[in-house]
Amino acid sequence: MEETPTFWELSPIWENTQNLMGMMGWPFSGEHGADQTWGMLGTHYQITHNPGHGANAFLHVFFVLAILTVVALLTYSKVKNVRDALVPEEKLTVRTFVEVMVGAIYGMMSSMMGPKAARFFLPLIGTCAFFILFSNALGLIPGMAPPTSSFNLTFAMGLIIFFATHIFGIKEQGLGNYLKHFMGPIIWLAPLMIIIELISHMVRPLSLAIRLMANMFADHAVLAAFFTLSSLAGMYGFLLPVPVLVLGSLVVVVQALVFCLLATVYISMAIEHSEGH
């Protein structure tokens, strides 16, 4: 089945973005010109045919960032006056949505790493939660594609969590004590444990990236197929994608939750002081 072009691909913005990327050079275009690109953009075939790469991914990421900027500004305008912010709004608004999300994220983190660490890492995990949730949800809109269906994007997010885990682990415990975590509690098993721990830590960004990318790529592919079939199914064809949209909405939330949950686990394990080590 031929892939359905995205909204951006049908607009002049897509071609202009491609031309701009070609002019910007590496890493947006490789040594062989704009047809051979690197990183988030992928190959020329991926740029032309895959909505998870190239200008499509570039434009979808900035579209999500624009939405989040508007959400942040609207929320700030409501809470900048502390006295007025103490009174909750009666209806579901942008402010109440953000408050519920932030409260849920903080509650999850606080139960795993304690209130103090949760407040410190809330900007990191909260940013991931909002970006992933809105990126995933973008794939539910016909003509749009989730940026999180691109492995390069999800891998970059996994690397951020990877480096944050080790940087703050060393900062909290010191280099010597932090390295003891890799040796295990039994000294004669230390060589084996070091190898196991190194492999375990190295695959974490990959597991975070592949899990998120694979689920969102599959979810978007199924939705696109059902939307295509609905256009061929006659008068009541618009009902065909509804069950898939409901399941897709669940996937959107679950995948954002799983990424943030695992990121919180990794960081909390790195900063905790264990008497056994």
Protein backbone atom coordinates (compact mmCIF):
# COMPACT_ATOMS: atom_id res chain seq x y z
CA MET A 1 0.00 0.00 0.00
CA GLU A 2 1.40 3.39 -1.03
CA GLU A 3 2.19 5.67 1.85
CA THR A 4 -0.08 8.65 2.36
CA PRO A 5 1.78 11.98 2.10
CA THR A 6 1.76 14.13 5.18
CA PHE A 7 0.34 17.64 5.48
CA TRP A 8 3.82 19.18 5.26
CA GLU A 9 4.74 17.18 2.18
CA LEU A 10 1.77 18.64 0.32
CA SER A 11 2.70 22.20 1.27
CA PRO A 12 5.42 24.47 -0.19
CA ILE A 13 7.05 24.58 3.25
CA TRP A 14 8.31 21.01 2.77
CA GLU A 15 10.26 21.79 -0.40
CA ASN A 16 11.61 25.04 1.04
CA THR A 17 12.78 23.19 4.17
CA GLN A 18 14.52 20.57 2.03
CA ASN A 19 16.30 23.29 0.07
CA LEU A 20 17.31 25.04 3.28
CA MET A 21 18.72 21.80 4.69
CA GLY A 22 20.74 21.28 1.54
CA MET A 23 22.19 24.80 1.83
CA MET A 24 23.07 24.37 5.52
CA GLY A 25 25.48 21.52 4.84
CA TRP A 26 26.51 18.84 7.33
CA PRO A 27 24.83 17.42 9.37
CA PHE A 28 21.71 18.41 7.40
CA SER A 29 23.28 17.35 4.11
CA GLY A 30 26.24 15.07 3.56
CA GLU A 31 29.39 15.31 1.52
CA HIS A 32 27.55 14.09 -1.60
CA GLY A 33 25.03 16.92 -1.51
CA ALA A 34 21.49 17.26 -0.32
CA ASP A 35 20.51 13.79 -1.57
CA GLN A 36 22.81 12.11 0.94
CA THR A 37 22.05 13.25 4.46
CA TRP A 38 22.96 12.22 7.97
CA GLY A 39 21.40 11.87 11.37
CA MET A 40 17.74 12.70 11.78
CA LEU A 41 17.26 13.12 8.04
CA GLY A 42 18.30 9.66 6.80
CA THR A 43 18.89 8.75 3.14
CA HIS A 44 17.39 10.43 0.11
CA TYR A 45 14.84 7.61 -0.19
CA GLN A 46 13.85 8.04 3.47
CA ILE A 47 13.54 11.78 2.99
CA THR A 48 11.24 11.31 -0.01
CA HIS A 49 9.11 8.42 1.22
CA ASN A 50 9.30 8.10 5.00
CA PRO A 51 7.35 10.66 7.07
CA GLY A 52 9.61 9.87 10.04
CA HIS A 53 12.68 11.32 8.34
CA GLY A 54 13.92 14.38 6.52
CA ALA A 55 11.96 17.57 6.21
CA ASN A 56 8.84 15.87 7.54
CA ALA A 57 10.53 14.98 10.81
CA PHE A 58 12.19 18.39 10.99
CA LEU A 59 8.90 20.23 10.48
CA HIS A 60 6.91 17.98 12.81
CA VAL A 61 9.44 18.48 15.61
CA PHE A 62 9.25 22.26 15.30
CA PHE A 63 5.47 22.08 15.06
CA VAL A 64 5.39 20.22 18.39
CA LEU A 65 7.82 22.73 19.91
CA ALA A 66 5.60 25.59 18.70
CA ILE A 67 2.56 23.98 20.33
CA LEU A 68 4.43 23.45 23.59
CA THR A 69 5.62 27.07 23.51
CA VAL A 70 2.04 28.29 23.18
CA VAL A 71 0.93 25.95 25.98
CA ALA A 72 3.74 27.21 28.21
CA LEU A 73 2.92 30.87 27.54
CA LEU A 74 -0.79 30.38 28.15
CA THR A 75 -0.10 28.54 31.40
CA TYR A 76 2.39 31.15 32.57
CA SER A 77 -0.09 33.94 31.89
CA LYS A 78 -2.53 32.20 34.24
CA VAL A 79 -0.12 31.43 37.09
CA LYS A 80 2.21 34.45 37.09
CA ASN A 81 -0.08 36.09 39.62
CA VAL A 82 0.44 33.84 42.66
CA ARG A 83 -2.72 34.96 44.43
CA ASP A 84 -4.95 34.21 41.44
CA ALA A 85 -3.12 30.95 40.73
CA LEU A 86 -4.10 29.56 44.14
CA VAL A 87 -7.72 29.32 42.97
CA PRO A 88 -8.17 26.37 40.57
CA GLU A 89 -10.22 26.86 37.43
CA GLU A 90 -13.57 25.09 37.27
CA LYS A 91 -13.34 23.92 33.65
CA LEU A 92 -10.67 21.91 31.82
CA THR A 93 -8.31 24.50 30.38
CA VAL A 94 -4.72 24.56 29.22
CA ARG A 95 -3.66 25.55 32.73
CA THR A 96 -5.56 22.73 34.45
CA PHE A 97 -4.25 20.21 31.91
CA VAL A 98 -0.66 21.28 32.60
CA GLU A 99 -1.26 21.22 36.37
CA VAL A 100 -2.70 17.71 36.23
CA MET A 101 0.20 16.46 34.10
CA VAL A 102 2.88 18.09 36.23
CA GLY A 103 1.23 16.79 39.40
CA ALA A 104 1.03 13.26 38.02
CA ILE A 105 4.67 13.31 36.86
CA TYR A 106 5.88 14.70 40.16
CA GLY A 107 3.83 12.16 42.13
CA MET A 108 5.33 9.29 40.14
CA MET A 109 8.86 10.61 40.56
CA SER A 110 8.44 11.42 44.25
CA SER A 111 7.33 7.87 45.04
CA MET A 112 10.47 6.50 43.35
CA MET A 113 13.27 8.89 44.24
CA GLY A 114 11.91 11.06 47.06
CA PRO A 115 10.49 14.61 47.03
CA LYS A 116 13.84 16.42 46.95
CA ALA A 117 15.24 14.53 43.95
CA ALA A 118 11.85 14.62 42.23
CA ARG A 119 11.77 18.43 42.38
CA PHE A 120 15.31 18.60 41.02
CA PHE A 121 14.74 16.26 38.07
CA LEU A 122 11.16 17.36 37.33
CA PRO A 123 12.25 19.81 34.56
CA LEU A 124 14.10 17.01 32.74
CA ILE A 125 11.50 14.25 33.07
CA GLY A 126 8.62 16.70 32.69
CA THR A 127 10.06 18.07 29.45
CA CYS A 128 10.42 14.53 28.11
CA ALA A 129 6.84 13.73 29.14
CA PHE A 130 5.30 16.76 27.43
CA PHE A 131 7.40 16.45 24.29
CA ILE A 132 6.78 12.72 23.88
CA LEU A 133 3.06 12.98 24.64
CA PHE A 134 2.45 15.81 22.17
CA SER A 135 4.71 14.19 19.54
CA ASN A 136 2.89 10.88 19.88
CA ALA A 137 -0.52 12.57 19.76
CA LEU A 138 0.42 14.34 16.54
CA GLY A 139 0.32 10.97 14.79
CA LEU A 140 -3.40 10.65 15.58
CA ILE A 141 -4.19 13.59 13.29
CA PRO A 142 -4.70 12.67 9.63
CA GLY A 143 -1.94 14.15 7.51
CA MET A 144 0.50 14.37 10.41
CA ALA A 145 3.26 12.00 11.55
CA PRO A 146 4.69 11.52 15.05
CA PRO A 147 8.29 12.77 15.30
CA THR A 148 8.86 9.94 17.77
CA SER A 149 8.57 7.44 14.89
CA SER A 150 12.11 8.49 13.94
CA PHE A 151 14.79 6.37 15.61
CA ASN A 152 17.33 9.18 15.42
CA LEU A 153 15.11 11.45 17.48
CA THR A 154 14.25 8.84 20.11
CA PHE A 155 17.89 7.75 20.31
CA ALA A 156 18.92 11.35 20.95
CA MET A 157 16.41 11.47 23.81
CA GLY A 158 17.77 8.18 25.14
CA LEU A 159 21.28 9.62 25.09
CA ILE A 160 20.13 12.64 27.10
CA ILE A 161 18.81 10.32 29.81
CA PHE A 162 21.98 8.20 29.58
CA PHE A 163 24.33 11.14 30.14
CA ALA A 164 22.09 12.68 32.81
CA THR A 165 22.08 9.37 34.68
CA HIS A 166 25.86 9.10 34.88
CA ILE A 167 26.66 12.80 35.29
CA PHE A 168 24.33 13.24 38.25
CA GLY A 169 25.24 9.81 39.62
CA ILE A 170 28.91 10.83 39.78
CA LYS A 171 28.02 14.29 41.09
CA GLU A 172 25.89 12.83 43.88
CA GLN A 173 28.18 10.01 45.02
CA GLY A 174 31.61 10.88 43.74
CA LEU A 175 33.48 9.00 41.02
CA GLY A 176 34.89 6.29 43.31
CA ASN A 177 31.64 5.40 45.04
CA TYR A 178 29.71 5.55 41.79
CA LEU A 179 32.07 3.09 40.09
CA LYS A 180 31.59 0.68 43.00
CA HIS A 181 28.01 0.19 41.79
CA PHE A 182 29.45 -1.55 38.73
CA MET A 183 31.43 -4.05 40.83
CA GLY A 184 28.60 -5.66 42.77
CA PRO A 185 28.57 -6.68 46.45
CA ILE A 186 30.95 -9.68 46.07
CA ILE A 187 34.50 -8.69 45.29
CA TRP A 188 35.54 -11.89 43.48
CA LEU A 189 32.60 -11.47 41.10
CA ALA A 190 33.61 -7.88 40.30
CA PRO A 191 35.19 -8.60 36.86
CA LEU A 192 32.03 -10.38 35.69
CA MET A 193 29.71 -7.79 37.23
CA ILE A 194 31.60 -4.93 35.59
CA ILE A 195 31.08 -6.48 32.15
CA ILE A 196 27.39 -7.16 32.84
CA GLU A 197 26.79 -3.65 34.21
CA LEU A 198 28.61 -1.96 31.32
CA ILE A 199 26.53 -3.86 28.77
CA SER A 200 23.36 -3.10 30.73
CA HIS A 201 24.08 0.62 30.84
CA MET A 202 25.17 0.84 27.21
CA VAL A 203 21.94 -0.71 25.89
CA ARG A 204 19.67 1.56 27.95
CA PRO A 205 19.52 4.42 25.43
CA LEU A 206 18.97 1.88 22.67
CA SER A 207 16.15 0.17 24.54
CA LEU A 208 14.48 3.52 25.28
CA ALA A 209 14.82 4.59 21.65
CA ILE A 210 13.74 1.36 19.97
CA ARG A 211 10.76 0.81 22.29
CA LEU A 212 9.35 4.28 21.67
CA MET A 213 10.17 4.43 17.96
CA ALA A 214 8.87 0.95 17.12
CA ASN A 215 5.57 1.41 18.94
CA MET A 216 4.88 4.82 17.44
CA PHE A 217 5.96 3.78 13.94
CA ALA A 218 3.65 0.75 14.07
CA ASP A 219 0.81 2.76 15.59
CA HIS A 220 1.08 5.42 12.88
CA ALA A 221 1.31 2.81 10.11
CA VAL A 222 -1.86 1.05 11.32
CA LEU A 223 -3.73 4.35 11.63
CA ALA A 224 -2.64 5.44 8.15
CA ALA A 225 -3.84 2.12 6.71
CA PHE A 226 -7.25 2.43 8.37
CA PHE A 227 -7.65 6.05 7.28
CA THR A 228 -6.87 4.98 3.71
CA LEU A 229 -9.40 2.16 3.90
CA SER A 230 -12.02 4.51 5.36
CA SER A 231 -11.79 6.71 2.28
CA LEU A 232 -12.69 3.68 0.15
CA ALA A 233 -15.42 2.25 2.38
CA GLY A 234 -18.32 4.46 1.36
CA MET A 235 -20.67 6.60 3.41
CA TYR A 236 -19.92 5.05 6.81
CA GLY A 237 -16.23 4.61 6.18
CA PHE A 238 -15.39 7.39 8.64
CA LEU A 239 -16.35 5.00 11.47
CA LEU A 240 -13.69 2.47 10.46
CA PRO A 241 -10.68 4.19 12.12
CA VAL A 242 -12.52 5.01 15.37
CA PRO A 243 -11.57 1.82 17.32
CA VAL A 244 -7.97 2.17 16.13
CA LEU A 245 -7.94 5.83 17.19
CA VAL A 246 -9.08 4.83 20.67
CA LEU A 247 -6.34 2.21 20.93
CA GLY A 248 -3.86 4.66 19.43
CA SER A 249 -4.71 7.24 22.09
CA LEU A 250 -3.91 4.63 24.72
CA VAL A 251 -0.58 3.87 23.05
CA VAL A 252 0.24 7.60 22.97
CA VAL A 253 -0.14 7.91 26.75
CA VAL A 254 1.41 4.55 27.65
CA GLN A 255 4.56 5.11 25.60
CA ALA A 256 5.14 8.55 27.14
CA LEU A 257 4.61 7.03 30.58
CA VAL A 258 6.96 4.10 29.95
CA PHE A 259 9.79 6.33 28.72
CA CYS A 260 9.51 8.68 31.71
CA LEU A 261 9.09 5.81 34.15
CA LEU A 262 12.24 4.05 32.96
CA ALA A 263 14.18 7.33 32.85
CA THR A 264 13.19 7.99 36.47
CA VAL A 265 14.22 4.47 37.48
CA TYR A 266 17.64 4.82 35.83
CA ILE A 267 18.35 8.19 37.46
CA SER A 268 17.07 7.14 40.89
CA MET A 269 19.27 4.02 40.81
CA ALA A 270 22.29 6.16 39.92
CA ILE A 271 21.86 8.75 42.69
CA GLU A 272 20.77 6.44 45.53
CA HIS A 273 23.29 5.64 48.28
CA SER A 274 23.39 1.89 48.74
CA GLU A 275 25.01 0.41 51.82
CA GLY A 276 25.68 -2.83 49.99
CA HIS A 277 28.23 -1.21 47.67
